[in-house]
């Protein structure tokens, strides 16, 4: 969990932030910006294996401060549906 705490600290600007605080920060930002769920764009659970495969090979993923495993990407995408 330490890596998620580090992400929370980067997002919130608080050196003592924990993972749940980072998740709350992101959820509030999504609400504030009115970002629709992936299902709004027609993405279904059946699309996830292809999205994960393409994501792991995308150049943008190489810039992440903490790389995500395919299992972690799946969990993120499930929640984003």
C-alpha atoms as a PDB file:
ATOM      1  CA  UNK A   1       0.000   0.000   0.000  1.00  0.00           C
ATOM      2  CA  UNK A   2       2.956   2.362   0.386  1.00  0.00           C
ATOM      3  CA  UNK A   3       3.024   3.071  -3.336  1.00  0.00           C
ATOM      4  CA  UNK A   4      -0.618   4.153  -3.244  1.00  0.00           C
ATOM      5  CA  UNK A   5       0.086   6.366  -0.257  1.00  0.00           C
ATOM      6  CA  UNK A   6       2.847   8.009  -2.296  1.00  0.00           C
ATOM      7  CA  UNK A   7       0.391   8.668  -5.143  1.00  0.00           C
ATOM      8  CA  UNK A   8      -2.066  10.164  -2.651  1.00  0.00           C
ATOM      9  CA  UNK A   9       0.669  12.439  -1.332  1.00  0.00           C
ATOM     10  CA  UNK A  10       1.501  13.603  -4.858  1.00  0.00           C
ATOM     11  CA  UNK A  11      -2.154  14.231  -5.725  1.00  0.00           C
ATOM     12  CA  UNK A  12      -3.212  15.977  -2.546  1.00  0.00           C
ATOM     13  CA  UNK A  13       0.012  17.795  -1.767  1.00  0.00           C
ATOM     14  CA  UNK A  14      -0.130  16.436   1.763  1.00  0.00           C
ATOM     15  CA  UNK A  15       2.994  14.540   2.921  1.00  0.00           C
ATOM     16  CA  UNK A  16       0.853  12.459   5.299  1.00  0.00           C
ATOM     17  CA  UNK A  17      -1.927  11.526   2.846  1.00  0.00           C
ATOM     18  CA  UNK A  18      -2.973   7.883   2.656  1.00  0.00           C
ATOM     19  CA  UNK A  19      -4.300   5.907  -0.307  1.00  0.00           C
ATOM     20  CA  UNK A  20      -7.952   6.402   0.667  1.00  0.00           C
ATOM     21  CA  UNK A  21      -7.451  10.172   0.734  1.00  0.00           C
ATOM     22  CA  UNK A  22      -5.958  10.048  -2.748  1.00  0.00           C
ATOM     23  CA  UNK A  23      -8.920   8.027  -3.984  1.00  0.00           C
ATOM     24  CA  UNK A  24     -11.324  10.543  -2.422  1.00  0.00           C
ATOM     25  CA  UNK A  25      -9.413  13.400  -4.089  1.00  0.00           C
ATOM     26  CA  UNK A  26      -9.719  11.742  -7.503  1.00  0.00           C
ATOM     27  CA  UNK A  27     -13.432  10.958  -6.962  1.00  0.00           C
ATOM     28  CA  UNK A  28     -14.109  14.584  -6.044  1.00  0.00           C
ATOM     29  CA  UNK A  29     -12.246  15.777  -9.141  1.00  0.00           C
ATOM     30  CA  UNK A  30     -14.261  13.429 -11.362  1.00  0.00           C
ATOM     31  CA  UNK A  31     -17.496  14.801  -9.882  1.00  0.00           C
ATOM     32  CA  UNK A  32     -16.325  18.402 -10.175  1.00  0.00           C
ATOM     33  CA  UNK A  33     -15.352  17.965 -13.820  1.00  0.00           C
ATOM     34  CA  UNK A  34     -18.484  15.904 -14.614  1.00  0.00           C
ATOM     35  CA  UNK A  35     -16.424  13.108 -16.159  1.00  0.00           C
ATOM     36  CA  UNK A  36     -18.769  10.307 -17.258  1.00  0.00           C
ATOM     37  CA  UNK A  37     -18.087   6.643 -16.557  1.00  0.00           C
ATOM     38  CA  UNK A  38     -16.552   4.551 -19.330  1.00  0.00           C
ATOM     39  CA  UNK A  39     -19.926   2.865 -19.922  1.00  0.00           C
ATOM     40  CA  UNK A  40     -21.204   6.242 -21.130  1.00  0.00           C
ATOM     41  CA  UNK A  41     -18.841   5.824 -24.085  1.00  0.00           C
ATOM     42  CA  UNK A  42     -19.947   2.244 -24.762  1.00  0.00           C
ATOM     43  CA  UNK A  43     -17.097   0.467 -22.979  1.00  0.00           C
ATOM     44  CA  UNK A  44     -18.095  -2.882 -21.475  1.00  0.00           C
ATOM     45  CA  UNK A  45     -16.325  -5.487 -19.350  1.00  0.00           C
ATOM     46  CA  UNK A  46     -15.753  -7.480 -22.550  1.00  0.00           C
ATOM     47  CA  UNK A  47     -13.536  -4.628 -23.811  1.00  0.00           C
ATOM     48  CA  UNK A  48     -11.218  -4.668 -20.805  1.00  0.00           C
ATOM     49  CA  UNK A  49      -8.692  -7.332 -21.890  1.00  0.00           C
ATOM     50  CA  UNK A  50      -7.952  -5.402 -25.090  1.00  0.00           C
ATOM     51  CA  UNK A  51      -7.783  -2.079 -23.226  1.00  0.00           C
ATOM     52  CA  UNK A  52      -5.398  -3.536 -20.672  1.00  0.00           C
ATOM     53  CA  UNK A  53      -3.198  -5.050 -23.370  1.00  0.00           C
ATOM     54  CA  UNK A  54      -3.008  -1.779 -25.276  1.00  0.00           C
ATOM     55  CA  UNK A  55      -2.501   0.214 -22.077  1.00  0.00           C
ATOM     56  CA  UNK A  56       0.471  -1.846 -20.954  1.00  0.00           C
ATOM     57  CA  UNK A  57       2.165  -1.166 -24.302  1.00  0.00           C
ATOM     58  CA  UNK A  58       1.261   2.544 -24.543  1.00  0.00           C
ATOM     59  CA  UNK A  59       4.077   5.063 -24.329  1.00  0.00           C
ATOM     60  CA  UNK A  60       2.033   7.163 -21.898  1.00  0.00           C
ATOM     61  CA  UNK A  61       2.178   4.358 -19.317  1.00  0.00           C
ATOM     62  CA  UNK A  62       5.959   4.522 -19.302  1.00  0.00           C
ATOM     63  CA  UNK A  63       5.743   7.955 -17.680  1.00  0.00           C
ATOM     64  CA  UNK A  64       3.724   6.774 -14.681  1.00  0.00           C
ATOM     65  CA  UNK A  65       5.639   7.276 -11.439  1.00  0.00           C
ATOM     66  CA  UNK A  66       4.351   3.882 -10.274  1.00  0.00           C
ATOM     67  CA  UNK A  67       3.731   1.266 -12.968  1.00  0.00           C
ATOM     68  CA  UNK A  68       0.462  -0.655 -12.754  1.00  0.00           C
ATOM     69  CA  UNK A  69       0.208  -4.391 -13.261  1.00  0.00           C
ATOM     70  CA  UNK A  70      -2.476  -5.803 -15.575  1.00  0.00           C
ATOM     71  CA  UNK A  71      -4.401  -6.908 -12.472  1.00  0.00           C
ATOM     72  CA  UNK A  72      -4.287  -3.373 -11.056  1.00  0.00           C
ATOM     73  CA  UNK A  73      -5.339  -1.903 -14.419  1.00  0.00           C
ATOM     74  CA  UNK A  74      -8.288  -4.309 -14.505  1.00  0.00           C
ATOM     75  CA  UNK A  75      -9.404  -3.200 -11.036  1.00  0.00           C
ATOM     76  CA  UNK A  76      -9.178   0.460 -12.065  1.00  0.00           C
ATOM     77  CA  UNK A  77     -11.132  -0.106 -15.248  1.00  0.00           C
ATOM     78  CA  UNK A  78     -13.863  -2.139 -13.523  1.00  0.00           C
ATOM     79  CA  UNK A  79     -14.435   0.753 -11.139  1.00  0.00           C
ATOM     80  CA  UNK A  80     -14.453   3.206 -14.053  1.00  0.00           C
ATOM     81  CA  UNK A  81     -17.221   1.377 -15.899  1.00  0.00           C
END
